[in-house]
């Protein structure tokens, strides 16, 4: 709800007796009509003010009523009732639930000096424009000319409203009776048609069941074969590491200047053995990485990553390899975003793999790393001046163990498939473009980083029983331009959603009254949800969490990680860029 400074006052009235209650009811209906509420909402506002005014007047000598027009982002009529209670407000508190069903929002606020303010709000219909600023003075003048009416006259007005509602109810009842009659006739036709096709359907179902059983059996066999392949890769790779490391260790000992002298031919042959052992160890490491990736062992841990610093470190690491190959390694980060939210280790592995491929398959020229921020993604492009890849092989290079025919450089055929798996684990993709005789460019596309202020947060509900977490989250999203409502338990969270639908929910799973699982199950569709929790859960492994759009651990709450989780939730899925834990 917008603060008082964002509203324009239209009318003030005091309630001191029953006649004042009638006057406030009549004024509420008139103001509702003037600001653009339809007939039914005018009756709801008048009824809510009548109920609230009567109960509050019984608790205090005077109730001051102010009608305000909120012309902010979500226009609406705001009514503030101020009083200093002289008796218990238990009756007024009980009345609040009934009033809340008639209004868009109801709030109670304790004021200095023992005063109480009850604020009622009724939103204008979506798309409706509130009265212009230039029309407000005329509107106030018309409202001030409202004449008091006798209680009997107001009672006649209420009865007229009730009669109109009853007539509308009777009309709907007659329409429903006619509709039921039509449905009964339609149902008889549907049942006759169902009887004709049920036998054919049963026969078809028997065939589908048999086919499904066969597919299940084949799927089981394929799953077992895949698991066996992964076990084989992992076991063989582990078994190979020990003898390969032994071979490499012996070659280092033989080539040590302190060892017995070798002939030139012996040194050459031992060097070849060491090179072959190094190649074999690289293959073993890549097999292990691929086995982990296929078992789902690659999970991204999103965190803020400074892009220029990461590229500088990568260049320092790989420049000796480029110099040894007689190539230039160039980093172009002029258009790079200063920061993205992703897994730094996995991003480094992908880029190191792509640059290593470029250095391996380029005879002369350069390998260039370019980073740039695009509107829909962040791009990292690795370009080389090598021989290029034939058009027929450009898709197949992402297949495991595939090598381009006629390529003189070595390789296992696992580098690009592994990089592609990591890219998709980060919520991105790899694209390849190549021209024979000119070179190859492999582009990594990752989801873009958006600051909280760029996400159009609107109304955010923070539901968490921990006051410190609520305070931290509130501060972050308010800095991003959000209007924040807090709830300390699941029941309060659902009540807030019903009264004033939020644009985003930041939800803890461990809460009293109703926990986060119950809240998720009862939330209306279309509201993005970010789980902000210390619970050890995974949206991919728990079907109860499928409603959530992103997961953020409480130990990883930062402006950047929160912005990334909200972006993923608003885009409709938790898969992009990991779960933030």
Protein backbone atom coordinates (compact mmCIF):
# COMPACT_ATOMS: atom_id res chain seq x y z
CA UNK A 1 0.00 0.00 0.00
CA UNK A 2 1.40 3.40 -0.96
CA UNK A 3 2.29 5.71 1.89
CA UNK A 4 0.22 8.79 2.82
CA UNK A 5 2.61 11.10 0.98
CA UNK A 6 1.57 9.44 -2.29
CA UNK A 7 -2.14 10.07 -1.79
CA UNK A 8 -4.50 13.03 -2.22
CA UNK A 9 -7.05 13.72 0.53
CA UNK A 10 -10.64 14.04 -0.73
CA UNK A 11 -12.90 14.31 2.36
CA UNK A 12 -12.86 14.15 6.18
CA UNK A 13 -15.78 13.11 8.40
CA UNK A 14 -16.11 12.32 12.12
CA UNK A 15 -18.19 9.55 13.67
CA UNK A 16 -19.57 10.41 17.10
CA UNK A 17 -22.86 8.51 17.06
CA UNK A 18 -25.02 6.20 14.93
CA UNK A 19 -25.93 9.06 12.61
CA UNK A 20 -22.21 9.50 11.90
CA UNK A 21 -22.00 5.84 10.87
CA UNK A 22 -24.81 6.43 8.33
CA UNK A 23 -23.04 9.56 7.07
CA UNK A 24 -19.73 7.70 6.59
CA UNK A 25 -21.49 4.88 4.76
CA UNK A 26 -23.18 7.36 2.39
CA UNK A 27 -19.94 9.32 1.91
CA UNK A 28 -18.02 6.10 1.18
CA UNK A 29 -20.43 5.16 -1.55
CA UNK A 30 -20.29 8.65 -3.09
CA UNK A 31 -16.48 8.80 -3.00
CA UNK A 32 -16.23 5.30 -4.50
CA UNK A 33 -18.45 6.39 -7.38
CA UNK A 34 -16.44 9.57 -7.97
CA UNK A 35 -13.05 7.77 -8.17
CA UNK A 36 -14.32 5.22 -10.73
CA UNK A 37 -15.35 2.08 -8.79
CA UNK A 38 -18.26 0.13 -10.27
CA UNK A 39 -21.65 -0.30 -8.58
CA UNK A 40 -20.81 -3.55 -6.78
CA UNK A 41 -17.55 -2.15 -5.43
CA UNK A 42 -19.39 1.00 -4.29
CA UNK A 43 -21.73 -1.20 -2.23
CA UNK A 44 -18.76 -3.17 -0.85
CA UNK A 45 -16.98 0.02 0.26
CA UNK A 46 -20.15 1.40 1.87
CA UNK A 47 -20.85 -1.88 3.69
CA UNK A 48 -17.23 -2.21 4.91
CA UNK A 49 -17.26 1.37 6.26
CA UNK A 50 -20.61 0.79 7.96
CA UNK A 51 -19.34 -2.34 9.74
CA UNK A 52 -15.92 -0.91 10.64
CA UNK A 53 -17.31 2.50 11.66
CA UNK A 54 -19.96 0.97 13.96
CA UNK A 55 -17.48 -1.32 15.74
CA UNK A 56 -14.79 1.37 16.11
CA UNK A 57 -17.29 4.00 17.36
CA UNK A 58 -18.29 1.62 20.13
CA UNK A 59 -14.64 1.68 21.32
CA UNK A 60 -14.03 5.45 21.22
CA UNK A 61 -15.86 8.74 21.62
CA UNK A 62 -14.82 9.96 18.18
CA UNK A 63 -13.56 8.26 15.02
CA UNK A 64 -11.95 10.55 12.43
CA UNK A 65 -12.42 9.28 8.88
CA UNK A 66 -10.23 10.49 5.98
CA UNK A 67 -10.92 9.50 2.36
CA UNK A 68 -7.81 9.53 0.14
CA UNK A 69 -7.10 8.78 -3.52
CA UNK A 70 -3.91 6.81 -4.19
CA UNK A 71 -2.82 7.76 -7.72
CA UNK A 72 0.39 5.70 -7.58
CA UNK A 73 1.49 2.59 -9.47
CA UNK A 74 -1.63 0.66 -8.32
CA UNK A 75 -4.42 3.29 -8.02
CA UNK A 76 -7.08 2.86 -5.37
CA UNK A 77 -9.34 4.42 -2.73
CA UNK A 78 -7.78 4.55 0.77
CA UNK A 79 -9.90 5.20 3.87
CA UNK A 80 -8.14 5.91 7.20
CA UNK A 81 -10.09 5.66 10.48
CA UNK A 82 -8.25 7.21 13.47
CA UNK A 83 -9.36 6.79 17.11
CA UNK A 84 -8.13 6.65 20.68
CA UNK A 85 -9.76 3.54 22.20
CA UNK A 86 -11.45 3.88 25.58
CA UNK A 87 -12.56 0.24 25.75
CA UNK A 88 -11.31 -3.11 24.43
CA UNK A 89 -11.08 -3.41 20.63
CA UNK A 90 -11.80 -7.14 20.62
CA UNK A 91 -15.05 -6.61 18.70
CA UNK A 92 -13.32 -4.42 16.11
CA UNK A 93 -10.57 -7.02 15.66
CA UNK A 94 -13.17 -9.72 15.07
CA UNK A 95 -14.90 -7.46 12.55
CA UNK A 96 -11.65 -6.99 10.59
CA UNK A 97 -11.83 -10.42 8.93
CA UNK A 98 -15.32 -9.69 7.56
CA UNK A 99 -14.25 -6.27 6.29
CA UNK A 100 -11.15 -7.79 4.63
CA UNK A 101 -13.40 -9.89 2.39
CA UNK A 102 -14.99 -6.71 1.03
CA UNK A 103 -11.82 -4.62 0.54
CA UNK A 104 -8.49 -5.18 -1.25
CA UNK A 105 -6.48 -4.71 1.96
CA UNK A 106 -7.03 -3.94 5.66
CA UNK A 107 -4.23 -2.79 7.98
CA UNK A 108 -4.08 -1.72 11.62
CA UNK A 109 -1.36 0.61 12.93
CA UNK A 110 -0.66 1.75 16.51
CA UNK A 111 -0.18 5.54 16.69
CA UNK A 112 1.63 7.79 19.22
CA UNK A 113 -0.32 8.63 22.37
CA UNK A 114 -2.29 5.38 22.43
CA UNK A 115 -4.06 6.06 19.16
CA UNK A 116 -4.98 3.46 16.54
CA UNK A 117 -5.32 3.84 12.76
CA UNK A 118 -7.25 1.35 10.66
CA UNK A 119 -6.54 1.70 6.95
CA UNK A 120 -8.91 0.23 4.34
CA UNK A 121 -8.01 0.03 0.64
CA UNK A 122 -10.04 -0.76 -2.48
CA UNK A 123 -8.04 -1.01 -5.71
CA UNK A 124 -9.48 0.52 -8.86
CA UNK A 125 -10.23 -1.96 -11.67
CA UNK A 126 -7.19 -2.97 -13.73
CA UNK A 127 -6.57 -0.43 -16.46
CA UNK A 128 -8.90 2.18 -14.92
CA UNK A 129 -7.44 5.70 -14.71
CA UNK A 130 -8.01 7.65 -11.47
CA UNK A 131 -9.35 11.23 -11.64
CA UNK A 132 -6.78 13.67 -12.99
CA UNK A 133 -5.01 16.07 -10.62
CA UNK A 134 -6.82 19.01 -12.25
CA UNK A 135 -10.23 17.45 -11.42
CA UNK A 136 -9.54 16.86 -7.72
CA UNK A 137 -10.63 20.31 -6.49
CA UNK A 138 -14.02 19.96 -8.20
CA UNK A 139 -14.40 16.45 -6.80
CA UNK A 140 -13.66 17.72 -3.24
CA UNK A 141 -16.21 20.50 -3.63
CA UNK A 142 -18.93 18.04 -4.71
CA UNK A 143 -18.17 15.76 -1.77
CA UNK A 144 -18.29 18.62 0.74
CA UNK A 145 -21.83 19.42 -0.47
CA UNK A 146 -23.09 15.98 0.59
CA UNK A 147 -26.15 16.57 2.74
CA UNK A 148 -26.89 14.41 5.77
CA UNK A 149 -29.84 12.09 5.29
CA UNK A 150 -32.14 10.57 7.93
CA UNK A 151 -31.38 7.05 9.11
CA UNK A 152 -34.65 5.87 7.52
CA UNK A 153 -33.56 7.18 4.11
CA UNK A 154 -30.19 5.44 4.42
CA UNK A 155 -32.00 2.26 5.44
CA UNK A 156 -34.11 2.52 2.26
CA UNK A 157 -30.90 2.83 0.23
CA UNK A 158 -29.47 -0.28 1.90
CA UNK A 159 -32.70 -2.17 1.24
CA UNK A 160 -32.59 -1.10 -2.41
CA UNK A 161 -29.04 -2.44 -2.66
CA UNK A 162 -30.15 -5.70 -1.06
CA UNK A 163 -33.13 -6.03 -3.42
CA UNK A 164 -30.88 -5.38 -6.43
CA UNK A 165 -28.47 -8.08 -5.19
CA UNK A 166 -31.35 -10.54 -4.68
CA UNK A 167 -32.70 -9.83 -8.18
CA UNK A 168 -29.25 -10.39 -9.64
CA UNK A 169 -28.99 -13.65 -7.68
CA UNK A 170 -32.38 -14.79 -8.98
CA UNK A 171 -31.34 -13.95 -12.54
CA UNK A 172 -28.14 -15.97 -12.16
CA UNK A 173 -30.17 -18.84 -10.66
CA UNK A 174 -32.53 -18.85 -13.68
CA UNK A 175 -29.58 -18.78 -16.08
CA UNK A 176 -27.97 -21.66 -14.19
CA UNK A 177 -31.20 -23.70 -14.39
CA UNK A 178 -31.34 -23.15 -18.17
CA UNK A 179 -27.69 -24.04 -18.50
CA UNK A 180 -28.18 -27.25 -16.48
CA UNK A 181 -31.03 -28.24 -18.77
CA UNK A 182 -28.83 -27.75 -21.83
CA UNK A 183 -26.02 -29.69 -20.16
CA UNK A 184 -28.31 -32.60 -19.40
CA UNK A 185 -29.28 -32.82 -23.08
CA UNK A 186 -25.65 -32.57 -24.11
CA UNK A 187 -24.66 -35.24 -21.58
CA UNK A 188 -27.21 -37.69 -23.04
CA UNK A 189 -25.64 -37.20 -26.46
CA UNK A 190 -22.14 -37.57 -25.04
CA UNK A 191 -23.06 -40.78 -23.20
CA UNK A 192 -24.47 -42.25 -26.41
CA UNK A 193 -21.29 -41.31 -28.27
CA UNK A 194 -19.17 -42.67 -25.43
CA UNK A 195 -20.94 -46.01 -25.63
CA UNK A 196 -20.12 -46.22 -29.35
CA UNK A 197 -16.41 -45.49 -29.01
CA UNK A 198 -15.67 -47.15 -25.63
CA UNK A 199 -15.09 -50.58 -27.18
CA UNK A 200 -12.68 -49.16 -29.77
CA UNK A 201 -10.92 -47.22 -27.00
CA UNK A 202 -10.56 -50.33 -24.85
CA UNK A 203 -8.97 -52.20 -27.76
CA UNK A 204 -6.60 -49.31 -28.42
CA UNK A 205 -5.69 -49.11 -24.74
CA UNK A 206 -4.72 -52.78 -24.69
CA UNK A 207 -2.33 -52.11 -27.58
CA UNK A 208 -0.93 -49.00 -25.86
CA UNK A 209 -0.38 -50.89 -22.60
CA UNK A 210 1.53 -53.62 -24.44
CA UNK A 211 3.62 -51.03 -26.28
CA UNK A 212 4.28 -49.11 -23.07
CA UNK A 213 5.48 -52.28 -21.32
CA UNK A 214 7.85 -52.95 -24.22
CA UNK A 215 9.14 -49.37 -24.09
CA UNK A 216 9.66 -49.61 -20.34
CA UNK A 217 11.70 -52.76 -20.79
CA UNK A 218 13.84 -51.13 -23.51
CA UNK A 219 14.27 -47.98 -21.39
CA UNK A 220 15.41 -50.10 -18.46
CA UNK A 221 17.95 -51.85 -20.66
CA UNK A 222 19.26 -48.53 -22.01
CA UNK A 223 19.47 -47.10 -18.48
CA UNK A 224 21.40 -50.13 -17.25
CA UNK A 225 23.70 -49.94 -20.28
CA UNK A 226 24.37 -46.23 -19.61
CA UNK A 227 25.10 -46.87 -15.93
CA UNK A 228 27.37 -49.76 -16.86
CA UNK A 229 29.24 -47.52 -19.34
CA UNK A 230 29.71 -44.84 -16.67
CA UNK A 231 30.93 -47.39 -14.13
CA UNK A 232 33.30 -48.79 -16.73
CA UNK A 233 34.70 -45.34 -17.55
CA UNK A 234 35.15 -44.44 -13.89
CA UNK A 235 36.70 -47.77 -12.88
CA UNK A 236 39.03 -48.02 -15.88
CA UNK A 237 40.08 -44.38 -15.50
CA UNK A 238 40.92 -44.85 -11.82
CA UNK A 239 42.84 -48.05 -12.58
CA UNK A 240 44.81 -46.37 -15.37
CA UNK A 241 45.90 -43.35 -13.34
CA UNK A 242 48.29 -45.33 -11.12
CA UNK A 243 50.43 -46.96 -13.85
CA UNK A 244 50.35 -43.82 -16.02
CA UNK A 245 51.55 -41.67 -13.13
CA UNK A 246 54.24 -44.30 -12.53
CA UNK A 247 55.41 -44.05 -16.15
CA UNK A 248 55.52 -40.24 -15.96
CA UNK A 249 57.45 -40.40 -12.69
CA UNK A 250 60.06 -42.79 -14.16
CA UNK A 251 60.55 -40.59 -17.25
CA UNK A 252 61.16 -37.58 -15.02
CA UNK A 253 63.75 -39.56 -13.03
CA UNK A 254 65.53 -40.74 -16.20
CA UNK A 255 65.59 -37.23 -17.67
CA UNK A 256 66.80 -35.65 -14.42
CA UNK A 257 70.21 -33.98 -14.99
CA UNK A 258 71.45 -35.64 -11.79
CA UNK A 259 70.74 -39.14 -13.14
CA UNK A 260 73.13 -41.26 -15.19
CA UNK A 261 73.94 -39.64 -18.55
CA UNK A 262 71.88 -40.69 -21.58
CA UNK A 263 72.67 -40.72 -25.25
CA UNK A 264 70.80 -38.30 -27.45
CA UNK A 265 68.69 -41.10 -28.89
CA UNK A 266 67.81 -42.46 -25.43
CA UNK A 267 66.79 -38.99 -24.22
CA UNK A 268 64.64 -38.54 -27.34
CA UNK A 269 62.90 -41.88 -26.84
CA UNK A 270 62.27 -41.29 -23.12
CA UNK A 271 60.86 -37.85 -23.97
CA UNK A 272 58.46 -39.52 -26.42
CA UNK A 273 57.42 -41.95 -23.67
CA UNK A 274 56.75 -39.00 -21.32
CA UNK A 275 54.69 -37.17 -23.97
CA UNK A 276 52.64 -40.29 -24.64
CA UNK A 277 52.08 -40.78 -20.90
CA UNK A 278 50.96 -37.17 -20.54
CA UNK A 279 48.49 -37.59 -23.39
CA UNK A 280 47.18 -40.78 -21.80
CA UNK A 281 46.78 -39.05 -18.41
CA UNK A 282 44.80 -36.24 -20.10
CA UNK A 283 42.51 -38.84 -21.67
CA UNK A 284 42.02 -40.52 -18.27
CA UNK A 285 41.13 -37.17 -16.63
CA UNK A 286 38.64 -36.35 -19.40
CA UNK A 287 37.03 -39.80 -19.07
CA UNK A 288 36.60 -39.21 -15.33
CA UNK A 289 35.05 -35.77 -15.97
CA UNK A 290 32.64 -37.17 -18.55
CA UNK A 291 31.60 -40.00 -16.21
CA UNK A 292 30.87 -37.51 -13.42
CA UNK A 293 28.89 -35.28 -15.81
CA UNK A 294 26.72 -38.17 -17.07
CA UNK A 295 25.98 -39.29 -13.51
CA UNK A 296 24.73 -35.76 -12.74
CA UNK A 297 27.76 -35.08 -10.57
CA UNK A 298 28.19 -31.61 -12.08
CA UNK A 299 26.16 -29.09 -10.06
CA UNK A 300 26.64 -25.35 -10.47
CA UNK A 301 27.14 -23.14 -7.40
CA UNK A 302 26.19 -19.64 -8.47
CA UNK A 303 28.20 -16.73 -7.06
CA UNK A 304 29.25 -13.26 -8.27
CA UNK A 305 32.14 -13.60 -10.75
CA UNK A 306 34.20 -10.54 -11.85
CA UNK A 307 34.58 -11.19 -15.58
CA UNK A 308 37.72 -9.09 -16.37
CA UNK A 309 39.65 -10.63 -13.47
CA UNK A 310 38.66 -14.18 -14.48
CA UNK A 311 39.80 -13.58 -18.08
CA UNK A 312 43.12 -12.10 -16.90
CA UNK A 313 43.80 -15.17 -14.72
CA UNK A 314 42.89 -17.50 -17.60
CA UNK A 315 45.24 -15.66 -19.97
CA UNK A 316 48.12 -15.83 -17.47
CA UNK A 317 47.54 -19.57 -17.09
CA UNK A 318 47.45 -20.36 -20.83
CA UNK A 319 49.89 -17.80 -22.27
CA UNK A 320 52.95 -20.08 -21.79
CA UNK A 321 51.18 -22.77 -23.86
CA UNK A 322 50.47 -20.20 -26.60
CA UNK A 323 54.08 -18.96 -26.62
CA UNK A 324 55.35 -22.54 -26.88
CA UNK A 325 53.09 -23.02 -29.95
CA UNK A 326 54.27 -19.72 -31.46
CA UNK A 327 50.77 -18.17 -31.26
CA UNK A 328 49.38 -14.96 -29.80
CA UNK A 329 46.75 -15.24 -27.06
CA UNK A 330 44.56 -12.11 -27.08
CA UNK A 331 41.89 -11.16 -24.53
CA UNK A 332 39.25 -8.61 -25.58
CA UNK A 333 37.13 -7.65 -22.55
CA UNK A 334 36.23 -4.06 -23.54
CA UNK A 335 32.51 -4.90 -23.90
CA UNK A 336 32.47 -7.48 -21.09
CA UNK A 337 30.03 -7.05 -18.17
CA UNK A 338 31.89 -6.22 -14.94
CA UNK A 339 30.16 -9.11 -13.15
CA UNK A 340 27.97 -12.15 -13.81
CA UNK A 341 26.45 -14.68 -11.45
CA UNK A 342 27.57 -18.20 -12.31
CA UNK A 343 29.94 -21.00 -11.19
CA UNK A 344 33.45 -19.56 -11.64
CA UNK A 345 35.19 -22.95 -11.62
CA UNK A 346 32.90 -24.44 -14.29
CA UNK A 347 33.16 -21.28 -16.44
CA UNK A 348 36.98 -21.45 -16.20
CA UNK A 349 36.95 -25.13 -17.23
CA UNK A 350 34.85 -24.37 -20.32
CA UNK A 351 37.02 -21.45 -21.46
CA UNK A 352 40.27 -23.33 -20.71
CA UNK A 353 38.99 -26.23 -22.80
CA UNK A 354 37.99 -23.98 -25.73
CA UNK A 355 41.27 -22.04 -25.67
CA UNK A 356 43.25 -25.28 -25.41
CA UNK A 357 41.43 -26.61 -28.50
CA UNK A 358 42.17 -23.38 -30.37
CA UNK A 359 45.89 -23.57 -29.53
CA UNK A 360 46.02 -27.23 -30.47
CA UNK A 361 44.42 -26.87 -33.91
CA UNK A 362 46.02 -23.56 -34.99
CA UNK A 363 49.36 -23.59 -36.80
CA UNK A 364 49.93 -19.83 -36.96
CA UNK A 365 48.20 -16.61 -36.05
CA UNK A 366 46.27 -16.13 -32.84
CA UNK A 367 43.61 -17.38 -30.46
CA UNK A 368 41.30 -14.61 -29.22
CA UNK A 369 38.95 -14.60 -26.21
CA UNK A 370 36.14 -12.02 -26.49
CA UNK A 371 33.56 -11.29 -23.78
CA UNK A 372 30.54 -9.06 -24.29
CA UNK A 373 27.18 -8.35 -22.70
CA UNK A 374 24.17 -8.79 -24.99
CA UNK A 375 20.56 -7.87 -24.06
CA UNK A 376 19.46 -11.52 -23.67
CA UNK A 377 22.72 -13.22 -22.67
CA UNK A 378 26.42 -12.88 -21.83
CA UNK A 379 28.76 -14.18 -24.54
CA UNK A 380 32.29 -15.60 -24.36
CA UNK A 381 33.69 -16.25 -27.86
CA UNK A 382 36.96 -18.15 -28.47
CA UNK A 383 38.21 -17.63 -32.05
CA UNK A 384 41.25 -19.12 -33.76
CA UNK A 385 42.96 -18.71 -37.14
CA UNK A 386 43.28 -22.45 -37.74
CA UNK A 387 42.28 -24.62 -40.69
CA UNK A 388 38.56 -24.60 -39.85
CA UNK A 389 36.06 -27.48 -39.68
CA UNK A 390 34.17 -28.89 -42.70
CA UNK A 391 30.41 -28.20 -42.66
CA UNK A 392 29.61 -31.93 -42.43
CA UNK A 393 31.58 -32.27 -39.18
CA UNK A 394 30.41 -29.16 -37.30
CA UNK A 395 27.60 -30.94 -35.46
CA UNK A 396 29.55 -34.16 -34.91
CA UNK A 397 32.40 -32.48 -33.03
CA UNK A 398 30.06 -32.39 -30.02
CA UNK A 399 29.79 -36.21 -30.08
CA UNK A 400 31.97 -38.11 -27.61
CA UNK A 401 35.27 -39.44 -29.08
CA UNK A 402 34.61 -37.91 -32.52
CA UNK A 403 37.63 -36.36 -34.24
CA UNK A 404 37.59 -34.50 -37.53
CA UNK A 405 39.07 -36.79 -40.22
CA UNK A 406 42.47 -35.69 -41.52
CA UNK A 407 43.25 -33.54 -38.45
CA UNK A 408 46.97 -33.62 -37.75
CA UNK A 409 46.65 -32.50 -34.12
CA UNK A 410 46.04 -34.98 -31.36
CA UNK A 411 43.01 -35.11 -29.12
CA UNK A 412 40.58 -37.46 -27.42
CA UNK A 413 37.31 -36.16 -28.85
CA UNK A 414 36.00 -35.46 -25.34
CA UNK A 415 36.80 -31.76 -24.89
CA UNK A 416 33.86 -30.15 -26.68
CA UNK A 417 31.23 -32.67 -25.44
CA UNK A 418 32.39 -32.04 -21.87
CA UNK A 419 32.35 -28.25 -22.37
CA UNK A 420 28.81 -28.50 -23.77
CA UNK A 421 27.62 -30.44 -20.69
CA UNK A 422 29.12 -27.82 -18.39
CA UNK A 423 27.57 -24.97 -20.42
CA UNK A 424 24.12 -26.51 -20.11
CA UNK A 425 24.64 -27.11 -16.38
CA UNK A 426 25.16 -23.32 -16.16
CA UNK A 427 21.90 -22.71 -18.01
CA UNK A 428 23.67 -21.77 -21.25
CA UNK A 429 24.76 -23.31 -24.55
CA UNK A 430 27.70 -23.65 -26.96
CA UNK A 431 27.53 -22.51 -30.59
CA UNK A 432 30.15 -23.29 -33.24
CA UNK A 433 30.89 -21.39 -36.44
CA UNK A 434 33.78 -22.27 -38.76
CA UNK A 435 35.12 -21.38 -42.19
CA UNK A 436 37.61 -23.67 -43.95
CA UNK A 437 40.99 -22.00 -44.28
CA UNK A 438 40.05 -19.10 -42.00
CA UNK A 439 39.37 -20.48 -38.55
CA UNK A 440 36.77 -21.47 -35.97
CA UNK A 441 34.76 -19.57 -33.35
CA UNK A 442 33.07 -21.33 -30.43
CA UNK A 443 30.65 -19.11 -28.49
CA UNK A 444 29.52 -19.78 -24.94
CA UNK A 445 26.20 -18.10 -24.14
CA UNK A 446 25.19 -17.72 -20.47
CA UNK A 447 22.12 -16.09 -18.89
CA UNK A 448 22.63 -12.33 -18.38
CA UNK A 449 23.15 -10.70 -15.01
CA UNK A 450 20.45 -8.20 -14.04
CA UNK A 451 20.64 -5.90 -11.03
CA UNK A 452 17.68 -5.91 -8.63
CA UNK A 453 16.67 -2.43 -9.81
CA UNK A 454 16.31 -3.76 -13.38
CA UNK A 455 13.88 -6.58 -12.50
CA UNK A 456 10.64 -4.58 -12.00
CA UNK A 457 10.04 -6.15 -8.59
CA UNK A 458 6.68 -4.51 -7.77
CA UNK A 459 5.08 -5.97 -4.62
CA UNK A 460 7.32 -8.54 -2.85
CA UNK A 461 6.12 -10.83 -0.04
CA UNK A 462 8.93 -11.96 2.32
CA UNK A 463 7.70 -15.04 4.25
CA UNK A 464 10.15 -16.22 6.94
CA UNK A 465 9.87 -16.81 10.68
CA UNK A 466 13.37 -15.37 11.26
CA UNK A 467 13.17 -11.60 11.79
CA UNK A 468 16.84 -11.07 10.86
CA UNK A 469 16.42 -12.79 7.48
CA UNK A 470 13.26 -10.75 6.81
CA UNK A 471 15.16 -7.55 7.62
CA UNK A 472 18.05 -8.44 5.28
CA UNK A 473 15.77 -9.44 2.38
CA UNK A 474 13.54 -6.41 2.89
CA UNK A 475 16.52 -4.07 2.70
CA UNK A 476 17.82 -5.66 -0.50
CA UNK A 477 14.54 -5.67 -2.43
CA UNK A 478 13.55 -2.20 -1.20
CA UNK A 479 16.86 -0.94 -2.58
CA UNK A 480 15.71 -2.55 -5.85
CA UNK A 481 12.51 -0.48 -5.84
CA UNK A 482 10.11 -3.04 -4.36
CA UNK A 483 7.11 -2.54 -2.08
CA UNK A 484 7.54 -5.15 0.67
CA UNK A 485 5.08 -7.07 2.84
CA UNK A 486 6.35 -9.42 5.57
CA UNK A 487 4.84 -12.63 6.99
CA UNK A 488 6.24 -14.59 9.95
CA UNK A 489 4.33 -17.83 9.29
CA UNK A 490 2.67 -19.70 6.44
CA UNK A 491 -0.91 -18.75 7.36
CA UNK A 492 -0.05 -15.04 7.40
CA UNK A 493 1.69 -15.44 4.04
CA UNK A 494 -1.41 -16.95 2.41
CA UNK A 495 -3.66 -14.30 3.99
CA UNK A 496 -1.44 -11.58 2.50
CA UNK A 497 -1.57 -13.22 -0.94
CA UNK A 498 -5.38 -13.34 -0.76
CA UNK A 499 -5.67 -9.69 0.32
CA UNK A 500 -3.04 -8.08 -1.92
CA UNK A 501 -1.59 -10.44 -4.56
CA UNK A 502 2.21 -9.98 -4.69
CA UNK A 503 4.37 -9.94 -7.82
CA UNK A 504 7.02 -12.15 -6.15
CA UNK A 505 7.31 -14.39 -3.05
CA UNK A 506 10.59 -14.98 -1.16
CA UNK A 507 9.72 -18.08 0.89
CA UNK A 508 11.38 -20.06 3.68
CA UNK A 509 10.48 -23.75 3.99
CA UNK A 510 10.67 -23.93 7.80
CA UNK A 511 7.88 -21.81 9.26
CA UNK A 512 5.26 -22.27 12.00
CA UNK A 513 1.48 -22.77 11.53
CA UNK A 514 1.92 -23.76 7.86
CA UNK A 515 5.38 -24.60 6.50
CA UNK A 516 6.76 -23.58 3.12
CA UNK A 517 5.66 -26.82 1.46
CA UNK A 518 2.02 -26.12 2.35
CA UNK A 519 2.34 -22.51 1.19
CA UNK A 520 3.79 -23.64 -2.16
CA UNK A 521 0.92 -26.08 -2.67
CA UNK A 522 -1.71 -23.36 -2.03
CA UNK A 523 -0.17 -20.39 -3.84
CA UNK A 524 -2.07 -19.23 -6.96
CA UNK A 525 -0.33 -19.99 -10.22
CA UNK A 526 1.53 -17.20 -11.95
CA UNK A 527 3.32 -15.80 -8.87
CA UNK A 528 7.12 -16.34 -9.13
CA UNK A 529 8.60 -17.99 -6.02
CA UNK A 530 12.20 -18.02 -4.77
CA UNK A 531 12.97 -20.45 -1.93
CA UNK A 532 15.34 -18.68 0.48
CA UNK A 533 16.14 -21.39 2.99
CA UNK A 534 18.83 -23.17 4.99
CA UNK A 535 17.07 -26.51 4.48
CA UNK A 536 19.09 -29.13 2.56
CA UNK A 537 16.72 -29.59 -0.39
CA UNK A 538 16.87 -29.80 -4.16
CA UNK A 539 14.00 -28.66 -6.44
CA UNK A 540 15.09 -31.29 -8.98
CA UNK A 541 14.83 -34.11 -6.44
CA UNK A 542 11.67 -33.13 -4.54
CA UNK A 543 8.42 -32.93 -6.57
CA UNK A 544 6.81 -30.82 -3.82
CA UNK A 545 9.20 -28.00 -4.78
CA UNK A 546 8.35 -28.04 -8.50
CA UNK A 547 6.26 -24.87 -7.99
CA UNK A 548 9.39 -22.89 -6.98
CA UNK A 549 11.29 -21.03 -9.69
CA UNK A 550 14.69 -20.81 -7.95
CA UNK A 551 16.50 -21.80 -4.75
CA UNK A 552 18.91 -19.61 -2.74
CA UNK A 553 20.72 -20.73 0.40
CA UNK A 554 20.54 -18.33 3.34
CA UNK A 555 24.34 -18.45 3.59
CA UNK A 556 24.57 -17.08 0.02
CA UNK A 557 22.27 -14.05 0.28
CA UNK A 558 23.95 -11.16 -1.57
CA UNK A 559 22.49 -8.51 -3.89
CA UNK A 560 23.94 -10.32 -6.93
CA UNK A 561 22.86 -13.86 -6.00
CA UNK A 562 19.39 -12.69 -4.94
CA UNK A 563 18.99 -10.78 -8.23
CA UNK A 564 20.04 -13.88 -10.19
CA UNK A 565 17.57 -16.13 -8.31
CA UNK A 566 14.73 -13.63 -8.83
CA UNK A 567 15.57 -13.35 -12.55
CA UNK A 568 15.42 -17.14 -12.91
CA UNK A 569 12.13 -17.37 -11.00
CA UNK A 570 10.51 -14.60 -13.08
CA UNK A 571 11.68 -16.33 -16.27
CA UNK A 572 9.94 -19.49 -15.10
CA UNK A 573 12.49 -22.12 -13.97
CA UNK A 574 15.21 -23.10 -11.53
CA UNK A 575 17.45 -24.78 -14.05
CA UNK A 576 19.25 -21.72 -15.32
CA UNK A 577 22.57 -21.24 -13.64
CA UNK A 578 22.25 -23.77 -10.80
CA UNK A 579 20.33 -23.54 -7.55
CA UNK A 580 22.42 -20.89 -5.85
CA UNK A 581 23.34 -23.09 -2.92
